[in-house]
Amino acid sequence: MVLQASFNAEEEHNEGSVFDTAKSERIRQLETLLEEYKTANEQLQKEIDALGGESAQLESRQVLSEEIEKERLEKATLQKGQFSLSVA
């Protein structure tokens, strides 16, 4: 019985160190991922700046793109309407 208790205590201790090792490894992986994310984010920001704009300017570009798409769809709709009138 004493041997079993000793064995169980040793196993709990060993499992704890395995857990600590696994936990430490996971923390190291997450820290590495965070550094990679920061580096990628900085690189993307430099690319945006090199393109001549900040993120606010990119938003206005998005609005312009949406307006162009809306105009394109309206034009297509009008052209379909003219086509159906000329066919009739």
C-alpha atoms as a PDB file:
ATOM      1  CA  MET A   1       0.000   0.000   0.000  1.00  0.00           C
ATOM      2  CA  VAL A   2       2.850   2.402   0.796  1.00  0.00           C
ATOM      3  CA  LEU A   3       4.483   1.552  -2.510  1.00  0.00           C
ATOM      4  CA  GLN A   4       1.236   2.290  -4.355  1.00  0.00           C
ATOM      5  CA  ALA A   5       0.915   5.652  -2.607  1.00  0.00           C
ATOM      6  CA  SER A   6       4.531   6.444  -3.397  1.00  0.00           C
ATOM      7  CA  PHE A   7       4.014   5.404  -7.026  1.00  0.00           C
ATOM      8  CA  ASN A   8       0.852   7.536  -7.277  1.00  0.00           C
ATOM      9  CA  ALA A   9       2.627  10.539  -5.748  1.00  0.00           C
ATOM     10  CA  GLU A  10       5.521  10.149  -8.176  1.00  0.00           C
ATOM     11  CA  GLU A  11       3.140   9.856 -11.142  1.00  0.00           C
ATOM     12  CA  GLU A  12       1.274  12.993 -10.078  1.00  0.00           C
ATOM     13  CA  HIS A  13       4.568  14.838  -9.781  1.00  0.00           C
ATOM     14  CA  ASN A  14       5.731  13.625 -13.203  1.00  0.00           C
ATOM     15  CA  GLU A  15       2.417  14.476 -14.823  1.00  0.00           C
ATOM     16  CA  GLY A  16       2.670  17.927 -13.325  1.00  0.00           C
ATOM     17  CA  SER A  17       6.064  18.471 -14.911  1.00  0.00           C
ATOM     18  CA  VAL A  18       4.771  17.163 -18.245  1.00  0.00           C
ATOM     19  CA  PHE A  19       1.894  19.609 -17.960  1.00  0.00           C
ATOM     20  CA  ASP A  20       4.261  22.444 -17.089  1.00  0.00           C
ATOM     21  CA  THR A  21       6.473  21.540 -20.041  1.00  0.00           C
ATOM     22  CA  ALA A  22       3.493  21.367 -22.387  1.00  0.00           C
ATOM     23  CA  LYS A  23       2.146  24.625 -20.997  1.00  0.00           C
ATOM     24  CA  SER A  24       5.514  26.323 -21.398  1.00  0.00           C
ATOM     25  CA  GLU A  25       5.815  25.024 -24.962  1.00  0.00           C
ATOM     26  CA  ARG A  26       2.332  26.323 -25.817  1.00  0.00           C
ATOM     27  CA  ILE A  27       3.150  29.728 -24.338  1.00  0.00           C
ATOM     28  CA  ARG A  28       6.362  29.827 -26.402  1.00  0.00           C
ATOM     29  CA  GLN A  29       4.397  28.941 -29.555  1.00  0.00           C
ATOM     30  CA  LEU A  30       1.834  31.653 -28.860  1.00  0.00           C
ATOM     31  CA  GLU A  31       4.540  34.229 -28.228  1.00  0.00           C
ATOM     32  CA  THR A  32       6.181  33.269 -31.531  1.00  0.00           C
ATOM     33  CA  LEU A  33       2.855  33.596 -33.342  1.00  0.00           C
ATOM     34  CA  LEU A  34       2.302  36.987 -31.754  1.00  0.00           C
ATOM     35  CA  GLU A  35       5.695  38.197 -32.944  1.00  0.00           C
ATOM     36  CA  GLU A  36       4.974  36.888 -36.465  1.00  0.00           C
ATOM     37  CA  TYR A  37       1.609  38.671 -36.420  1.00  0.00           C
ATOM     38  CA  LYS A  38       3.210  41.932 -35.326  1.00  0.00           C
ATOM     39  CA  THR A  39       5.863  41.658 -38.024  1.00  0.00           C
ATOM     40  CA  ALA A  40       3.275  40.907 -40.721  1.00  0.00           C
ATOM     41  CA  ASN A  41       1.106  43.775 -39.508  1.00  0.00           C
ATOM     42  CA  GLU A  42       4.011  46.211 -39.665  1.00  0.00           C
ATOM     43  CA  GLN A  43       4.913  45.006 -43.159  1.00  0.00           C
ATOM     44  CA  LEU A  44       1.335  45.453 -44.378  1.00  0.00           C
ATOM     45  CA  GLN A  45       1.221  48.948 -42.904  1.00  0.00           C
ATOM     46  CA  LYS A  46       4.434  49.822 -44.769  1.00  0.00           C
ATOM     47  CA  GLU A  47       2.927  48.479 -48.000  1.00  0.00           C
ATOM     48  CA  ILE A  48      -0.226  50.556 -47.495  1.00  0.00           C
ATOM     49  CA  ASP A  49       1.878  53.652 -46.895  1.00  0.00           C
ATOM     50  CA  ALA A  50       3.989  52.869 -49.980  1.00  0.00           C
ATOM     51  CA  LEU A  51       0.812  52.714 -52.067  1.00  0.00           C
ATOM     52  CA  GLY A  52       0.164  56.298 -51.065  1.00  0.00           C
ATOM     53  CA  GLY A  53      -2.520  55.865 -48.536  1.00  0.00           C
ATOM     54  CA  GLU A  54      -3.474  55.183 -45.026  1.00  0.00           C
ATOM     55  CA  SER A  55      -6.279  52.931 -43.949  1.00  0.00           C
ATOM     56  CA  ALA A  56      -8.717  55.872 -43.999  1.00  0.00           C
ATOM     57  CA  GLN A  57      -7.904  56.467 -47.649  1.00  0.00           C
ATOM     58  CA  LEU A  58      -8.450  52.792 -48.340  1.00  0.00           C
ATOM     59  CA  GLU A  59     -11.934  53.105 -46.877  1.00  0.00           C
ATOM     60  CA  SER A  60     -12.717  55.977 -49.261  1.00  0.00           C
ATOM     61  CA  ARG A  61     -11.390  53.817 -52.102  1.00  0.00           C
ATOM     62  CA  GLN A  62     -13.806  51.116 -50.996  1.00  0.00           C
ATOM     63  CA  VAL A  63     -16.686  53.603 -51.092  1.00  0.00           C
ATOM     64  CA  LEU A  64     -15.652  54.682 -54.591  1.00  0.00           C
ATOM     65  CA  SER A  65     -15.457  51.071 -55.709  1.00  0.00           C
ATOM     66  CA  GLU A  66     -18.946  50.449 -54.368  1.00  0.00           C
ATOM     67  CA  GLU A  67     -20.263  53.517 -56.196  1.00  0.00           C
ATOM     68  CA  ILE A  68     -18.638  52.381 -59.449  1.00  0.00           C
ATOM     69  CA  GLU A  69     -20.203  48.941 -59.068  1.00  0.00           C
ATOM     70  CA  LYS A  70     -23.612  50.516 -58.404  1.00  0.00           C
ATOM     71  CA  GLU A  71     -23.275  52.671 -61.539  1.00  0.00           C
ATOM     72  CA  ARG A  72     -22.205  49.642 -63.565  1.00  0.00           C
ATOM     73  CA  LEU A  73     -25.253  47.682 -62.425  1.00  0.00           C
ATOM     74  CA  GLU A  74     -27.572  50.605 -63.185  1.00  0.00           C
ATOM     75  CA  LYS A  75     -26.069  50.933 -66.654  1.00  0.00           C
ATOM     76  CA  ALA A  76     -26.504  47.207 -67.279  1.00  0.00           C
ATOM     77  CA  THR A  77     -30.124  47.445 -66.149  1.00  0.00           C
ATOM     78  CA  LEU A  78     -30.773  50.382 -68.487  1.00  0.00           C
ATOM     79  CA  GLN A  79     -29.122  48.579 -71.373  1.00  0.00           C
ATOM     80  CA  LYS A  80     -31.321  45.538 -70.767  1.00  0.00           C
ATOM     81  CA  GLY A  81     -34.370  47.815 -70.742  1.00  0.00           C
ATOM     82  CA  GLN A  82     -33.337  49.391 -74.072  1.00  0.00           C
ATOM     83  CA  PHE A  83     -32.652  45.965 -75.549  1.00  0.00           C
ATOM     84  CA  SER A  84     -36.090  44.707 -74.593  1.00  0.00           C
ATOM     85  CA  LEU A  85     -37.714  47.844 -76.066  1.00  0.00           C
ATOM     86  CA  SER A  86     -35.861  47.462 -79.356  1.00  0.00           C
ATOM     87  CA  VAL A  87     -36.843  43.782 -79.575  1.00  0.00           C
ATOM     88  CA  ALA A  88     -40.508  44.474 -78.907  1.00  0.00           C
END
